[in-house]
Amino acid sequence: MVVGEQPGDQEDLQGKPFVGPAGALLDSALVEAGVDRKQVYVTNAVKHFKWEPRGKRRLHKTPAQREVDACHYWIEREMAEHDATVVVALGATALKSVLQKSTVKLQASMGDAIEHDGRMVIVTFHPSYALRAPDAGTRESAYRAIVEAFKHAHRLIEKHSK
């Protein structure tokens, strides 16, 4: 299972998660990691698109913790329904939702799997960060971290299914 932050503009318009530019990067990372997106349940921690107008565009606005908490019920249901033994949390909002811990930090949680409620949680950057980081080197290292997180999750799933 992959959990992102919230729908973006394209996701809101199409009613599906990760179909915009961040979704294209997510798809590339999954392919590079050897993971079939059709085998992964993809969702978001917050179920609505929080935005602010900028001219004719709708720009993303980070959800408040109360919005994350309000939507957590749905994440719990999705994890149970899809028997998610490994969850990849994309970004800080997803991490806070999955762990139900508002003080958890993204950078401090990356690298190792975190055991939580009988599941393994892998933490990495949100694909939108890899698209919008200030320089090419940072964008590339963020993308590499996303690919490595999916490889790590894939290994855990293979290990769990044996």
C-alpha atoms as a PDB file:
ATOM      1  CA  MET A   1       0.000   0.000   0.000  1.00  0.00           C
ATOM      2  CA  VAL A   2       1.213   3.497  -0.851  1.00  0.00           C
ATOM      3  CA  VAL A   3      -0.116   6.512   1.068  1.00  0.00           C
ATOM      4  CA  GLY A   4       0.378  10.039  -0.212  1.00  0.00           C
ATOM      5  CA  GLU A   5      -0.671  13.349   1.292  1.00  0.00           C
ATOM      6  CA  GLN A   6      -3.856  14.487  -0.442  1.00  0.00           C
ATOM      7  CA  PRO A   7      -5.257  14.658  -3.949  1.00  0.00           C
ATOM      8  CA  GLY A   8      -3.683  17.286  -6.169  1.00  0.00           C
ATOM      9  CA  ASP A   9      -5.437  19.326  -8.822  1.00  0.00           C
ATOM     10  CA  GLN A  10      -5.526  16.565 -11.462  1.00  0.00           C
ATOM     11  CA  GLU A  11      -6.419  13.903  -8.903  1.00  0.00           C
ATOM     12  CA  ASP A  12      -9.291  16.053  -7.642  1.00  0.00           C
ATOM     13  CA  LEU A  13     -10.591  16.578 -11.181  1.00  0.00           C
ATOM     14  CA  GLN A  14     -10.264  12.891 -12.173  1.00  0.00           C
ATOM     15  CA  GLY A  15     -11.212  11.337  -8.817  1.00  0.00           C
ATOM     16  CA  LYS A  16      -8.165   9.029  -8.753  1.00  0.00           C
ATOM     17  CA  PRO A  17      -4.922   9.231  -6.743  1.00  0.00           C
ATOM     18  CA  PHE A  18      -1.581  10.035  -8.367  1.00  0.00           C
ATOM     19  CA  VAL A  19      -2.656  10.723 -11.944  1.00  0.00           C
ATOM     20  CA  GLY A  20      -0.926  14.103 -12.356  1.00  0.00           C
ATOM     21  CA  PRO A  21       2.786  14.926 -12.611  1.00  0.00           C
ATOM     22  CA  ALA A  22       3.581  13.391  -9.202  1.00  0.00           C
ATOM     23  CA  GLY A  23       1.768  10.251 -10.347  1.00  0.00           C
ATOM     24  CA  ALA A  24       3.954  10.022 -13.457  1.00  0.00           C
ATOM     25  CA  LEU A  25       7.047  10.219 -11.258  1.00  0.00           C
ATOM     26  CA  LEU A  26       5.548   7.631  -8.900  1.00  0.00           C
ATOM     27  CA  ASP A  27       4.940   5.311 -11.860  1.00  0.00           C
ATOM     28  CA  SER A  28       8.553   5.713 -13.028  1.00  0.00           C
ATOM     29  CA  ALA A  29       9.887   4.968  -9.549  1.00  0.00           C
ATOM     30  CA  LEU A  30       7.703   1.867  -9.232  1.00  0.00           C
ATOM     31  CA  VAL A  31       8.866   0.572 -12.628  1.00  0.00           C
ATOM     32  CA  GLU A  32      12.513   1.200 -11.746  1.00  0.00           C
ATOM     33  CA  ALA A  33      12.019  -0.612  -8.428  1.00  0.00           C
ATOM     34  CA  GLY A  34      10.447  -3.600 -10.194  1.00  0.00           C
ATOM     35  CA  VAL A  35       7.000  -3.073  -8.668  1.00  0.00           C
ATOM     36  CA  ASP A  36       3.812  -3.396 -10.729  1.00  0.00           C
ATOM     37  CA  ARG A  37       1.489  -0.490  -9.862  1.00  0.00           C
ATOM     38  CA  LYS A  38      -1.471  -2.773 -10.499  1.00  0.00           C
ATOM     39  CA  GLN A  39      -0.311  -4.797  -7.482  1.00  0.00           C
ATOM     40  CA  VAL A  40      -0.176  -1.739  -5.209  1.00  0.00           C
ATOM     41  CA  TYR A  41      -3.101  -0.017  -3.545  1.00  0.00           C
ATOM     42  CA  VAL A  42      -2.506   3.734  -3.825  1.00  0.00           C
ATOM     43  CA  THR A  43      -4.380   6.249  -1.676  1.00  0.00           C
ATOM     44  CA  ASN A  44      -3.994   9.506   0.224  1.00  0.00           C
ATOM     45  CA  ALA A  45      -4.021  10.359   3.921  1.00  0.00           C
ATOM     46  CA  VAL A  46      -6.377  13.289   3.378  1.00  0.00           C
ATOM     47  CA  LYS A  47      -9.273  12.654   1.059  1.00  0.00           C
ATOM     48  CA  HIS A  48      -9.977  16.182  -0.166  1.00  0.00           C
ATOM     49  CA  PHE A  49      -7.917  18.652  -2.181  1.00  0.00           C
ATOM     50  CA  LYS A  50      -7.036  21.614   0.009  1.00  0.00           C
ATOM     51  CA  TRP A  51      -6.048  24.518  -2.200  1.00  0.00           C
ATOM     52  CA  GLU A  52      -5.832  28.257  -2.588  1.00  0.00           C
ATOM     53  CA  PRO A  53      -6.476  30.219  -5.774  1.00  0.00           C
ATOM     54  CA  ARG A  54      -3.555  31.767  -7.655  1.00  0.00           C
ATOM     55  CA  GLY A  55      -4.939  33.442 -10.730  1.00  0.00           C
ATOM     56  CA  LYS A  56      -6.677  30.705 -12.713  1.00  0.00           C
ATOM     57  CA  ARG A  57      -4.746  27.918 -10.954  1.00  0.00           C
ATOM     58  CA  ARG A  58      -5.594  25.949  -7.815  1.00  0.00           C
ATOM     59  CA  LEU A  59      -2.415  25.551  -5.773  1.00  0.00           C
ATOM     60  CA  HIS A  60      -1.890  22.887  -3.146  1.00  0.00           C
ATOM     61  CA  LYS A  61      -2.127  23.908   0.495  1.00  0.00           C
ATOM     62  CA  THR A  62      -0.791  21.585   3.209  1.00  0.00           C
ATOM     63  CA  PRO A  63      -3.602  20.002   5.228  1.00  0.00           C
ATOM     64  CA  ALA A  64      -3.888  20.782   8.928  1.00  0.00           C
ATOM     65  CA  GLN A  65      -3.326  18.018  11.481  1.00  0.00           C
ATOM     66  CA  ARG A  66      -7.048  18.059  12.326  1.00  0.00           C
ATOM     67  CA  GLU A  67      -7.781  17.222   8.671  1.00  0.00           C
ATOM     68  CA  VAL A  68      -5.269  14.364   8.768  1.00  0.00           C
ATOM     69  CA  ASP A  69      -6.856  13.083  11.980  1.00  0.00           C
ATOM     70  CA  ALA A  70     -10.384  13.402  10.567  1.00  0.00           C
ATOM     71  CA  CYS A  71      -9.463  11.272   7.528  1.00  0.00           C
ATOM     72  CA  HIS A  72      -7.506   8.634   9.462  1.00  0.00           C
ATOM     73  CA  TYR A  73     -10.590   6.448   9.804  1.00  0.00           C
ATOM     74  CA  TRP A  74     -10.513   5.888   6.042  1.00  0.00           C
ATOM     75  CA  ILE A  75      -6.804   4.968   6.004  1.00  0.00           C
ATOM     76  CA  GLU A  76      -7.422   2.395   8.740  1.00  0.00           C
ATOM     77  CA  ARG A  77     -10.285   0.898   6.743  1.00  0.00           C
ATOM     78  CA  GLU A  78      -8.212   0.807   3.544  1.00  0.00           C
ATOM     79  CA  MET A  79      -5.252  -0.852   5.296  1.00  0.00           C
ATOM     80  CA  ALA A  80      -7.539  -3.512   6.777  1.00  0.00           C
ATOM     81  CA  GLU A  81      -9.520  -4.054   3.572  1.00  0.00           C
ATOM     82  CA  HIS A  82      -6.376  -4.487   1.471  1.00  0.00           C
ATOM     83  CA  ASP A  83      -4.502  -6.451   4.150  1.00  0.00           C
ATOM     84  CA  ALA A  84      -1.598  -4.024   3.923  1.00  0.00           C
ATOM     85  CA  THR A  85       1.405  -5.628   5.596  1.00  0.00           C
ATOM     86  CA  VAL A  86       3.813  -3.066   4.130  1.00  0.00           C
ATOM     87  CA  VAL A  87       2.902   0.602   3.774  1.00  0.00           C
ATOM     88  CA  VAL A  88       5.032   3.177   1.968  1.00  0.00           C
ATOM     89  CA  ALA A  89       4.355   6.630   3.401  1.00  0.00           C
ATOM     90  CA  LEU A  90       5.111   9.372   0.878  1.00  0.00           C
ATOM     91  CA  GLY A  91       5.979  12.507   2.819  1.00  0.00           C
ATOM     92  CA  ALA A  92       5.412  13.846   6.305  1.00  0.00           C
ATOM     93  CA  THR A  93       1.610  14.107   6.147  1.00  0.00           C
ATOM     94  CA  ALA A  94       1.246  10.464   5.114  1.00  0.00           C
ATOM     95  CA  LEU A  95       3.720   9.403   7.800  1.00  0.00           C
ATOM     96  CA  LYS A  96       1.852  11.309  10.517  1.00  0.00           C
ATOM     97  CA  SER A  97      -1.416   9.725   9.390  1.00  0.00           C
ATOM     98  CA  VAL A  98      -0.165   6.154   9.156  1.00  0.00           C
ATOM     99  CA  LEU A  99       1.652   6.281  12.521  1.00  0.00           C
ATOM    100  CA  GLN A 100      -1.003   8.486  14.168  1.00  0.00           C
ATOM    101  CA  LYS A 101       1.783  10.605  15.605  1.00  0.00           C
ATOM    102  CA  SER A 102       1.742  14.314  14.786  1.00  0.00           C
ATOM    103  CA  THR A 103       5.289  14.898  16.086  1.00  0.00           C
ATOM    104  CA  VAL A 104       7.074  12.349  13.881  1.00  0.00           C
ATOM    105  CA  LYS A 105       9.719  13.788  11.523  1.00  0.00           C
ATOM    106  CA  LEU A 106      10.191  12.654   7.925  1.00  0.00           C
ATOM    107  CA  GLN A 107      14.001  12.798   7.735  1.00  0.00           C
ATOM    108  CA  ALA A 108      14.461  11.037  11.088  1.00  0.00           C
ATOM    109  CA  SER A 109      12.137   8.217   9.990  1.00  0.00           C
ATOM    110  CA  MET A 110      13.692   7.470   6.616  1.00  0.00           C
ATOM    111  CA  GLY A 111      15.953   4.508   6.002  1.00  0.00           C
ATOM    112  CA  ASP A 112      14.597   1.716   8.165  1.00  0.00           C
ATOM    113  CA  ALA A 113      11.227   0.040   8.286  1.00  0.00           C
ATOM    114  CA  ILE A 114       9.089   1.077  11.238  1.00  0.00           C
ATOM    115  CA  GLU A 115       6.891  -1.583  12.806  1.00  0.00           C
ATOM    116  CA  HIS A 116       3.466  -0.162  13.635  1.00  0.00           C
ATOM    117  CA  ASP A 117       0.253  -2.039  14.453  1.00  0.00           C
ATOM    118  CA  GLY A 118       1.516  -5.245  12.851  1.00  0.00           C
ATOM    119  CA  ARG A 119       2.597  -3.507   9.660  1.00  0.00           C
ATOM    120  CA  MET A 120       5.943  -2.385   8.334  1.00  0.00           C
ATOM    121  CA  VAL A 121       6.059   1.272   7.337  1.00  0.00           C
ATOM    122  CA  ILE A 122       8.651   2.552   4.875  1.00  0.00           C
ATOM    123  CA  VAL A 123       9.091   6.316   4.728  1.00  0.00           C
ATOM    124  CA  THR A 124      10.272   8.397   1.789  1.00  0.00           C
ATOM    125  CA  PHE A 125       9.774  11.704   0.047  1.00  0.00           C
ATOM    126  CA  HIS A 126       6.548  12.571  -1.706  1.00  0.00           C
ATOM    127  CA  PRO A 127       7.002  12.536  -5.509  1.00  0.00           C
ATOM    128  CA  SER A 128       5.978  16.197  -5.689  1.00  0.00           C
ATOM    129  CA  TYR A 129       9.085  17.043  -3.645  1.00  0.00           C
ATOM    130  CA  ALA A 130      11.247  15.262  -6.216  1.00  0.00           C
ATOM    131  CA  LEU A 131       9.558  17.368  -8.907  1.00  0.00           C
ATOM    132  CA  ARG A 132       9.848  20.711  -7.138  1.00  0.00           C
ATOM    133  CA  ALA A 133      13.133  20.544  -5.221  1.00  0.00           C
ATOM    134  CA  PRO A 134      15.252  23.634  -5.816  1.00  0.00           C
ATOM    135  CA  ASP A 135      18.081  22.026  -7.796  1.00  0.00           C
ATOM    136  CA  ALA A 136      18.729  19.041 -10.069  1.00  0.00           C
ATOM    137  CA  GLY A 137      20.932  17.247  -7.542  1.00  0.00           C
ATOM    138  CA  THR A 138      18.285  17.388  -4.835  1.00  0.00           C
ATOM    139  CA  ARG A 139      15.580  16.291  -7.263  1.00  0.00           C
ATOM    140  CA  GLU A 140      17.690  13.299  -8.341  1.00  0.00           C
ATOM    141  CA  SER A 141      18.553  12.248  -4.780  1.00  0.00           C
ATOM    142  CA  ALA A 142      14.882  12.512  -3.759  1.00  0.00           C
ATOM    143  CA  TYR A 143      13.860  10.381  -6.734  1.00  0.00           C
ATOM    144  CA  ARG A 144      16.550   7.798  -5.855  1.00  0.00           C
ATOM    145  CA  ALA A 145      15.233   7.694  -2.266  1.00  0.00           C
ATOM    146  CA  ILE A 146      11.712   6.996  -3.562  1.00  0.00           C
ATOM    147  CA  VAL A 147      12.972   4.156  -5.784  1.00  0.00           C
ATOM    148  CA  GLU A 148      14.971   2.678  -2.885  1.00  0.00           C
ATOM    149  CA  ALA A 149      11.921   2.847  -0.605  1.00  0.00           C
ATOM    150  CA  PHE A 150       9.889   0.836  -3.127  1.00  0.00           C
ATOM    151  CA  LYS A 151      12.709  -1.689  -3.496  1.00  0.00           C
ATOM    152  CA  HIS A 152      12.849  -2.008   0.300  1.00  0.00           C
ATOM    153  CA  ALA A 153       9.070  -2.487   0.499  1.00  0.00           C
ATOM    154  CA  HIS A 154       9.205  -5.080  -2.282  1.00  0.00           C
ATOM    155  CA  ARG A 155      11.886  -7.055  -0.401  1.00  0.00           C
ATOM    156  CA  LEU A 156       9.809  -6.952   2.797  1.00  0.00           C
ATOM    157  CA  ILE A 157       6.737  -8.232   0.966  1.00  0.00           C
ATOM    158  CA  GLU A 158       8.721 -11.061  -0.639  1.00  0.00           C
ATOM    159  CA  LYS A 159      10.166 -11.975   2.769  1.00  0.00           C
ATOM    160  CA  HIS A 160       6.725 -11.853   4.405  1.00  0.00           C
ATOM    161  CA  SER A 161       5.102 -14.066   1.757  1.00  0.00           C
ATOM    162  CA  LYS A 162       7.637 -16.902   2.158  1.00  0.00           C
END
